[in-house]
């Protein structure tokens, strides 16, 4: 494991220490968990879809339509 030195505002450090005491973990463990959670939240979202929509096909003529109103087709399309 690597070591690093960071500067943390005193008020934030007090909040962190209070949380460490409640959770029964070290300050270093709290920082590791927070960094891990933050990095997981930064992963890109897949654009393919989710849940039941993953395998859905979107018809181009209605993809940009207003709700309840199909999009007009262009002539020659």
N, C-alpha and C. Protein backbone atom coordinates (compact mmCIF):
# COMPACT_ATOMS: atom_id res chain seq x y z
N UNK A 1 0.85 -1.18 0.00
CA UNK A 1 0.00 0.00 0.00
C UNK A 1 0.89 1.24 0.00
N UNK A 2 0.47 2.26 -0.72
CA UNK A 2 1.22 3.52 -0.78
C UNK A 2 0.71 4.49 0.28
N UNK A 3 1.56 5.43 0.63
CA UNK A 3 1.17 6.48 1.57
C UNK A 3 1.10 7.80 0.82
N UNK A 4 0.23 8.68 1.32
CA UNK A 4 0.13 10.02 0.74
C UNK A 4 -0.17 11.01 1.85
N UNK A 5 0.18 12.24 1.61
CA UNK A 5 -0.10 13.30 2.58
C UNK A 5 -1.06 14.28 1.92
N UNK A 6 -2.16 14.58 2.61
CA UNK A 6 -3.14 15.53 2.08
C UNK A 6 -3.48 16.54 3.16
N UNK A 7 -3.93 17.71 2.74
CA UNK A 7 -4.38 18.74 3.68
C UNK A 7 -5.90 18.71 3.71
N UNK A 8 -6.44 18.66 4.92
CA UNK A 8 -7.89 18.60 5.12
C UNK A 8 -8.28 19.71 6.08
N UNK A 9 -9.30 20.49 5.77
CA UNK A 9 -9.75 21.52 6.70
C UNK A 9 -10.10 20.92 8.07
N UNK A 10 -9.80 21.66 9.12
CA UNK A 10 -9.97 21.16 10.48
C UNK A 10 -11.40 20.71 10.76
N UNK A 11 -12.38 21.48 10.31
CA UNK A 11 -13.79 21.13 10.56
C UNK A 11 -14.14 19.79 9.90
N UNK A 12 -13.66 19.58 8.68
CA UNK A 12 -13.92 18.33 7.98
C UNK A 12 -13.24 17.16 8.68
N UNK A 13 -12.05 17.41 9.18
CA UNK A 13 -11.32 16.37 9.90
C UNK A 13 -12.06 15.96 11.18
N UNK A 14 -12.65 16.94 11.87
CA UNK A 14 -13.43 16.61 13.07
C UNK A 14 -14.65 15.76 12.72
N UNK A 15 -15.32 16.11 11.62
CA UNK A 15 -16.47 15.30 11.18
C UNK A 15 -16.02 13.88 10.84
N UNK A 16 -14.90 13.77 10.16
CA UNK A 16 -14.37 12.46 9.78
C UNK A 16 -14.03 11.65 11.03
N UNK A 17 -13.39 12.29 12.00
CA UNK A 17 -13.02 11.58 13.23
C UNK A 17 -14.25 11.11 14.00
N UNK A 18 -15.30 11.92 14.01
CA UNK A 18 -16.55 11.52 14.67
C UNK A 18 -17.14 10.29 13.99
N UNK A 19 -17.13 10.29 12.64
CA UNK A 19 -17.66 9.15 11.90
C UNK A 19 -16.80 7.91 12.14
N UNK A 20 -15.49 8.08 12.18
CA UNK A 20 -14.59 6.95 12.46
C UNK A 20 -14.90 6.32 13.81
N UNK A 21 -15.15 7.17 14.80
CA UNK A 21 -15.47 6.67 16.14
C UNK A 21 -16.78 5.88 16.12
N UNK A 22 -17.78 6.40 15.40
CA UNK A 22 -19.08 5.71 15.34
C UNK A 22 -18.96 4.38 14.61
N UNK A 23 -18.15 4.35 13.53
CA UNK A 23 -18.00 3.12 12.75
C UNK A 23 -16.94 2.17 13.30
N UNK A 24 -16.11 2.66 14.19
CA UNK A 24 -15.04 1.83 14.75
C UNK A 24 -13.94 1.53 13.73
N UNK A 25 -13.64 2.51 12.86
CA UNK A 25 -12.60 2.33 11.86
C UNK A 25 -11.55 3.44 11.98
N UNK A 26 -10.41 3.23 11.36
CA UNK A 26 -9.36 4.24 11.38
C UNK A 26 -9.66 5.35 10.37
N UNK A 27 -8.99 6.45 10.54
CA UNK A 27 -9.11 7.55 9.59
C UNK A 27 -8.68 7.10 8.20
N UNK A 28 -7.61 6.33 8.13
CA UNK A 28 -7.11 5.83 6.84
C UNK A 28 -8.16 4.95 6.15
N UNK A 29 -8.83 4.10 6.93
CA UNK A 29 -9.87 3.25 6.34
C UNK A 29 -11.04 4.09 5.83
N UNK A 30 -11.40 5.12 6.57
CA UNK A 30 -12.48 6.00 6.12
C UNK A 30 -12.12 6.65 4.79
N UNK A 31 -10.89 7.14 4.66
CA UNK A 31 -10.46 7.77 3.41
C UNK A 31 -10.44 6.75 2.27
N UNK A 32 -9.96 5.53 2.53
CA UNK A 32 -9.96 4.50 1.49
C UNK A 32 -11.38 4.21 1.00
N UNK A 33 -12.32 4.05 1.94
CA UNK A 33 -13.71 3.77 1.57
C UNK A 33 -14.32 4.93 0.78
N UNK A 34 -14.08 6.15 1.24
CA UNK A 34 -14.64 7.32 0.56
C UNK A 34 -14.08 7.44 -0.85
N UNK A 35 -12.78 7.22 -1.02
CA UNK A 35 -12.17 7.31 -2.34
C UNK A 35 -12.69 6.21 -3.26
N UNK A 36 -12.82 5.00 -2.73
CA UNK A 36 -13.34 3.89 -3.52
C UNK A 36 -14.76 4.18 -3.99
N UNK A 37 -15.62 4.68 -3.08
CA UNK A 37 -17.00 5.00 -3.44
C UNK A 37 -17.06 6.13 -4.46
N UNK A 38 -16.22 7.14 -4.29
CA UNK A 38 -16.19 8.25 -5.23
C UNK A 38 -15.78 7.77 -6.62
N UNK A 39 -14.74 6.97 -6.70
CA UNK A 39 -14.27 6.48 -7.99
C UNK A 39 -15.30 5.59 -8.68
N UNK A 40 -16.01 4.78 -7.92
CA UNK A 40 -17.07 3.94 -8.51
C UNK A 40 -18.18 4.81 -9.09
N UNK A 41 -18.47 5.92 -8.46
CA UNK A 41 -19.51 6.83 -8.94
C UNK A 41 -19.10 7.59 -10.19
N UNK A 42 -17.83 7.57 -10.53
CA UNK A 42 -17.34 8.29 -11.70
C UNK A 42 -17.30 7.43 -12.95
N UNK A 43 -17.67 6.15 -12.85
CA UNK A 43 -17.64 5.28 -14.02
C UNK A 43 -18.71 5.71 -15.00
N UNK A 44 -18.41 5.68 -16.30
CA UNK A 44 -19.39 6.11 -17.30
C UNK A 44 -20.62 5.22 -17.32
N UNK A 45 -21.75 5.82 -17.63
CA UNK A 45 -23.02 5.10 -17.73
C UNK A 45 -23.13 4.54 -19.15
N UNK A 46 -23.52 3.29 -19.25
CA UNK A 46 -23.69 2.68 -20.57
C UNK A 46 -24.90 3.29 -21.27
N UNK A 47 -24.75 3.54 -22.55
CA UNK A 47 -25.81 4.17 -23.32
C UNK A 47 -26.78 3.17 -23.96
N UNK A 48 -26.48 1.89 -23.87
CA UNK A 48 -27.31 0.89 -24.54
C UNK A 48 -28.70 0.79 -23.94
N UNK A 49 -28.88 1.09 -22.69
CA UNK A 49 -30.18 0.98 -22.06
C UNK A 49 -30.06 0.22 -20.75
N UNK A 50 -31.18 0.00 -20.10
CA UNK A 50 -31.16 -0.71 -18.83
C UNK A 50 -32.46 -1.50 -18.68
N UNK A 51 -32.40 -2.47 -17.82
CA UNK A 51 -33.58 -3.26 -17.51
C UNK A 51 -34.27 -3.81 -18.74
N UNK A 52 -35.56 -3.63 -18.81
CA UNK A 52 -36.35 -4.15 -19.92
C UNK A 52 -36.05 -3.45 -21.23
N UNK A 53 -35.48 -2.26 -21.18
CA UNK A 53 -35.20 -1.48 -22.38
C UNK A 53 -33.92 -1.90 -23.08
N UNK A 54 -33.12 -2.74 -22.46
CA UNK A 54 -31.83 -3.12 -23.03
C UNK A 54 -31.96 -3.69 -24.42
N UNK A 55 -32.94 -4.55 -24.66
CA UNK A 55 -33.10 -5.20 -25.96
C UNK A 55 -34.12 -4.50 -26.85
N UNK A 56 -34.63 -3.35 -26.44
CA UNK A 56 -35.64 -2.63 -27.23
C UNK A 56 -35.04 -1.98 -28.45
N UNK A 57 -35.79 -1.99 -29.51
CA UNK A 57 -35.40 -1.26 -30.71
C UNK A 57 -36.22 0.01 -30.77
N UNK A 58 -35.60 1.12 -31.06
CA UNK A 58 -36.31 2.38 -31.18
C UNK A 58 -36.47 2.69 -32.65
N UNK A 59 -37.69 2.90 -33.06
CA UNK A 59 -37.94 3.23 -34.46
C UNK A 59 -37.54 4.67 -34.71
N UNK A 60 -36.75 4.95 -35.74
CA UNK A 60 -36.28 6.31 -35.99
C UNK A 60 -37.39 7.33 -36.17
N UNK A 61 -38.54 6.92 -36.73
CA UNK A 61 -39.60 7.88 -36.99
C UNK A 61 -40.29 8.37 -35.72
N UNK A 62 -40.12 7.65 -34.60
CA UNK A 62 -40.74 8.09 -33.36
C UNK A 62 -39.72 8.43 -32.28
N UNK A 63 -38.46 8.30 -32.56
CA UNK A 63 -37.44 8.53 -31.56
C UNK A 63 -37.46 9.96 -31.02
N UNK A 64 -37.69 10.94 -31.89
CA UNK A 64 -37.69 12.33 -31.48
C UNK A 64 -39.08 12.94 -31.45
N UNK A 65 -40.10 12.11 -31.45
CA UNK A 65 -41.48 12.60 -31.49
C UNK A 65 -41.89 13.20 -30.16
N UNK A 66 -42.85 14.10 -30.24
CA UNK A 66 -43.45 14.62 -29.03
C UNK A 66 -44.27 13.51 -28.41
N UNK A 67 -44.44 13.50 -27.10
CA UNK A 67 -45.24 12.45 -26.47
C UNK A 67 -46.64 12.37 -27.07
N UNK A 68 -47.04 11.19 -27.48
CA UNK A 68 -48.35 10.96 -28.03
C UNK A 68 -48.52 11.39 -29.47
N UNK A 69 -47.45 11.85 -30.10
CA UNK A 69 -47.56 12.32 -31.49
C UNK A 69 -46.34 11.86 -32.29
N UNK A 70 -46.56 10.97 -33.28
CA UNK A 70 -45.41 10.48 -34.05
C UNK A 70 -44.75 11.59 -34.86
N UNK A 71 -43.47 11.45 -35.05
CA UNK A 71 -42.71 12.40 -35.85
C UNK A 71 -43.08 12.25 -37.32
N UNK A 72 -43.14 13.38 -38.04
CA UNK A 72 -43.45 13.33 -39.47
C UNK A 72 -42.28 12.76 -40.24
N UNK A 73 -42.61 11.97 -41.22
CA UNK A 73 -41.58 11.43 -42.11
C UNK A 73 -41.23 12.45 -43.18
N UNK A 74 -39.96 12.51 -43.54
CA UNK A 74 -39.54 13.37 -44.63
C UNK A 74 -39.90 12.72 -45.95
N UNK A 75 -40.16 13.52 -46.96
CA UNK A 75 -40.47 12.98 -48.28
C UNK A 75 -39.26 12.27 -48.83
N UNK A 76 -39.49 11.15 -49.46
CA UNK A 76 -38.42 10.37 -50.06
C UNK A 76 -37.70 9.47 -49.09
N UNK A 77 -38.20 9.38 -47.87
CA UNK A 77 -37.55 8.51 -46.88
C UNK A 77 -38.34 7.25 -46.72
